[in-house]
Amino acid sequence: MRILFAVRDPRDVVVSCFTQQLPLNPVSVHYFTLEATAKKYATTMKAWFKIREMLRNPWMEVRYEDVVGNLEGQARKVLDFLGMPWDEQVLEYHRRAQSKHIHSPTYEAVTKPVYSSSIGRWRNYATQLEPYMGILQPYVEAFGYA
């Protein structure tokens, strides 16, 4: 089994999770406050760092910002990593999604082409995030977003 792990600027992840209207479930219950959201993110990433040290399976981290900046290049890398052939239809994911029933609170985003407006969105909330940067900073640095 090969493992793909999506990475995104931790500050953007926290803002996104906190501002999404998600159905209540065992994960989303942690997104009621910025502090709780930051703590849930940190707990999840701490687990990932521990797990990836122990993995014998091949794994690959894929940065959201790299996908947005070069969808085809990143898609080719991922398919190569997975041992799958290239297929141009990968780039048309949003068209296919428009014709399917998608069970996701982010359905609208899935049916659009890749867009960059979510990158760095956290800057609009920097003041609100500041009290929780001590929780997020280790991951900001570990993933190279400093």
Protein backbone atom coordinates (compact mmCIF):
# COMPACT_ATOMS: atom_id res chain seq x y z
CA MET A 1 0.00 0.00 0.00
CA ARG A 2 1.28 3.44 -0.94
CA ILE A 3 0.21 6.40 1.15
CA LEU A 4 -0.53 9.92 -0.08
CA PHE A 5 -0.69 12.60 2.57
CA ALA A 6 -2.05 16.02 1.68
CA VAL A 7 -0.20 18.97 3.20
CA ARG A 8 -1.36 22.58 3.30
CA ASP A 9 -0.23 25.65 5.22
CA PRO A 10 -1.40 24.86 8.78
CA ARG A 11 -2.80 28.35 9.19
CA ASP A 12 -4.96 27.94 6.09
CA VAL A 13 -6.12 24.51 7.28
CA VAL A 14 -7.23 25.92 10.62
CA VAL A 15 -9.05 28.88 9.06
CA SER A 16 -10.73 26.58 6.54
CA CYS A 17 -11.87 24.05 9.14
CA PHE A 18 -13.08 26.76 11.52
CA THR A 19 -15.06 28.67 8.88
CA GLN A 20 -16.66 25.68 7.11
CA GLN A 21 -20.23 24.83 7.98
CA LEU A 22 -19.75 21.13 8.51
CA PRO A 23 -22.21 18.56 9.80
CA LEU A 24 -21.50 17.65 13.40
CA ASN A 25 -19.37 14.54 13.70
CA PRO A 26 -16.52 13.29 15.91
CA VAL A 27 -13.98 15.40 13.97
CA SER A 28 -15.94 18.59 13.25
CA VAL A 29 -16.87 18.93 16.91
CA HIS A 30 -13.29 20.20 17.37
CA TYR A 31 -13.88 23.13 15.02
CA PHE A 32 -16.10 25.31 17.21
CA THR A 33 -13.26 27.59 18.30
CA LEU A 34 -9.98 28.58 16.70
CA GLU A 35 -8.10 27.24 19.70
CA ALA A 36 -9.79 23.84 19.53
CA THR A 37 -9.25 23.74 15.76
CA ALA A 38 -5.53 24.51 16.15
CA LYS A 39 -5.21 21.84 18.84
CA LYS A 40 -6.98 19.24 16.67
CA TYR A 41 -4.67 20.10 13.76
CA ALA A 42 -1.60 19.76 16.00
CA THR A 43 -2.80 16.42 17.38
CA THR A 44 -3.40 15.09 13.89
CA MET A 45 -0.01 16.24 12.56
CA LYS A 46 1.80 14.92 15.61
CA ALA A 47 0.22 11.54 14.88
CA TRP A 48 1.25 11.76 11.20
CA PHE A 49 4.87 12.58 12.12
CA LYS A 50 4.96 9.60 14.47
CA ILE A 51 3.33 7.26 11.97
CA ARG A 52 5.55 8.27 9.04
CA GLU A 53 8.66 7.46 11.12
CA MET A 54 7.40 3.91 11.54
CA LEU A 55 6.06 3.31 8.05
CA ARG A 56 7.67 0.71 5.90
CA ASN A 57 5.23 1.50 3.11
CA PRO A 58 6.18 4.14 0.57
CA TRP A 59 4.56 7.47 1.35
CA MET A 60 4.44 10.84 -0.31
CA GLU A 61 3.39 14.23 0.97
CA VAL A 62 1.62 16.36 -1.62
CA ARG A 63 1.46 20.10 -1.01
CA TYR A 64 -1.82 21.81 -1.78
CA GLU A 65 -0.04 24.92 -3.00
CA ASP A 66 2.07 22.86 -5.42
CA VAL A 67 -1.06 21.22 -6.84
CA VAL A 68 -2.68 24.63 -7.33
CA GLY A 69 0.47 25.98 -8.96
CA ASN A 70 1.03 23.02 -11.27
CA LEU A 71 -1.88 20.60 -11.35
CA GLU A 72 -0.59 18.52 -14.24
CA GLY A 73 2.95 18.25 -12.90
CA GLN A 74 1.77 17.21 -9.45
CA ALA A 75 -0.83 14.82 -10.85
CA ARG A 76 1.87 13.16 -12.94
CA LYS A 77 4.11 12.80 -9.87
CA VAL A 78 1.29 11.28 -7.84
CA LEU A 79 0.25 8.84 -10.55
CA ASP A 80 3.87 7.84 -11.06
CA PHE A 81 4.26 7.29 -7.32
CA LEU A 82 1.13 5.13 -7.37
CA GLY A 83 2.38 3.18 -10.38
CA MET A 84 -0.54 4.32 -12.50
CA PRO A 85 -0.48 5.54 -16.10
CA TRP A 86 -1.09 9.16 -17.01
CA ASP A 87 -4.63 10.01 -18.09
CA GLU A 88 -5.60 13.48 -19.34
CA GLN A 89 -9.01 13.07 -17.70
CA VAL A 90 -7.34 13.62 -14.33
CA LEU A 91 -7.16 17.30 -15.21
CA GLU A 92 -10.91 17.38 -15.86
CA TYR A 93 -11.88 16.12 -12.38
CA HIS A 94 -14.23 19.07 -11.84
CA ARG A 95 -16.26 18.33 -15.00
CA ARG A 96 -16.74 14.74 -13.95
CA ALA A 97 -17.68 15.83 -10.43
CA GLN A 98 -20.44 18.05 -11.83
CA SER A 99 -22.20 14.98 -13.21
CA LYS A 100 -21.91 12.92 -10.01
CA HIS A 101 -23.68 13.03 -6.68
CA ILE A 102 -21.02 14.07 -4.20
CA HIS A 103 -21.54 13.59 -0.47
CA SER A 104 -19.37 16.41 0.79
CA PRO A 105 -20.01 19.72 2.50
CA THR A 106 -17.48 21.16 0.06
CA TYR A 107 -19.35 19.95 -3.02
CA GLU A 108 -19.18 23.37 -4.69
CA ALA A 109 -15.37 23.53 -4.43
CA VAL A 110 -14.98 20.01 -5.84
CA THR A 111 -16.90 20.94 -8.97
CA LYS A 112 -14.69 23.94 -9.80
CA PRO A 113 -11.30 23.99 -11.50
CA VAL A 114 -8.31 24.45 -9.20
CA TYR A 115 -8.21 27.99 -7.83
CA SER A 116 -5.65 29.90 -5.78
CA SER A 117 -7.83 32.19 -3.67
CA SER A 118 -7.55 29.88 -0.65
CA ILE A 119 -3.76 30.11 -0.54
CA GLY A 120 -2.66 32.51 2.17
CA ARG A 121 -6.24 33.19 3.20
CA TRP A 122 -5.08 32.91 6.81
CA ARG A 123 -3.48 36.36 6.50
CA ASN A 124 -6.98 37.87 6.67
CA TYR A 125 -7.28 36.28 10.11
CA ALA A 126 -3.71 36.76 11.36
CA THR A 127 -4.85 38.78 14.38
CA GLN A 128 -7.36 36.11 15.40
CA LEU A 129 -4.81 33.32 14.83
CA GLU A 130 -2.01 35.02 16.77
CA PRO A 131 -2.95 33.57 20.19
CA TYR A 132 -2.70 30.05 18.72
CA MET A 133 0.49 30.41 16.70
CA GLY A 134 2.43 28.69 19.48
CA ILE A 135 0.38 25.58 18.70
CA LEU A 136 0.74 25.91 14.91
CA GLN A 137 4.28 27.27 14.50
CA PRO A 138 6.07 23.90 14.82
CA TYR A 139 4.01 22.60 11.89
CA VAL A 140 4.36 25.81 9.89
CA GLU A 141 8.12 25.29 10.15
CA ALA A 142 8.11 21.51 9.75
CA PHE A 143 6.21 21.76 6.46
CA GLY A 144 8.30 24.70 5.24
CA TYR A 145 5.74 27.48 5.43
CA ALA A 146 7.75 29.77 7.71
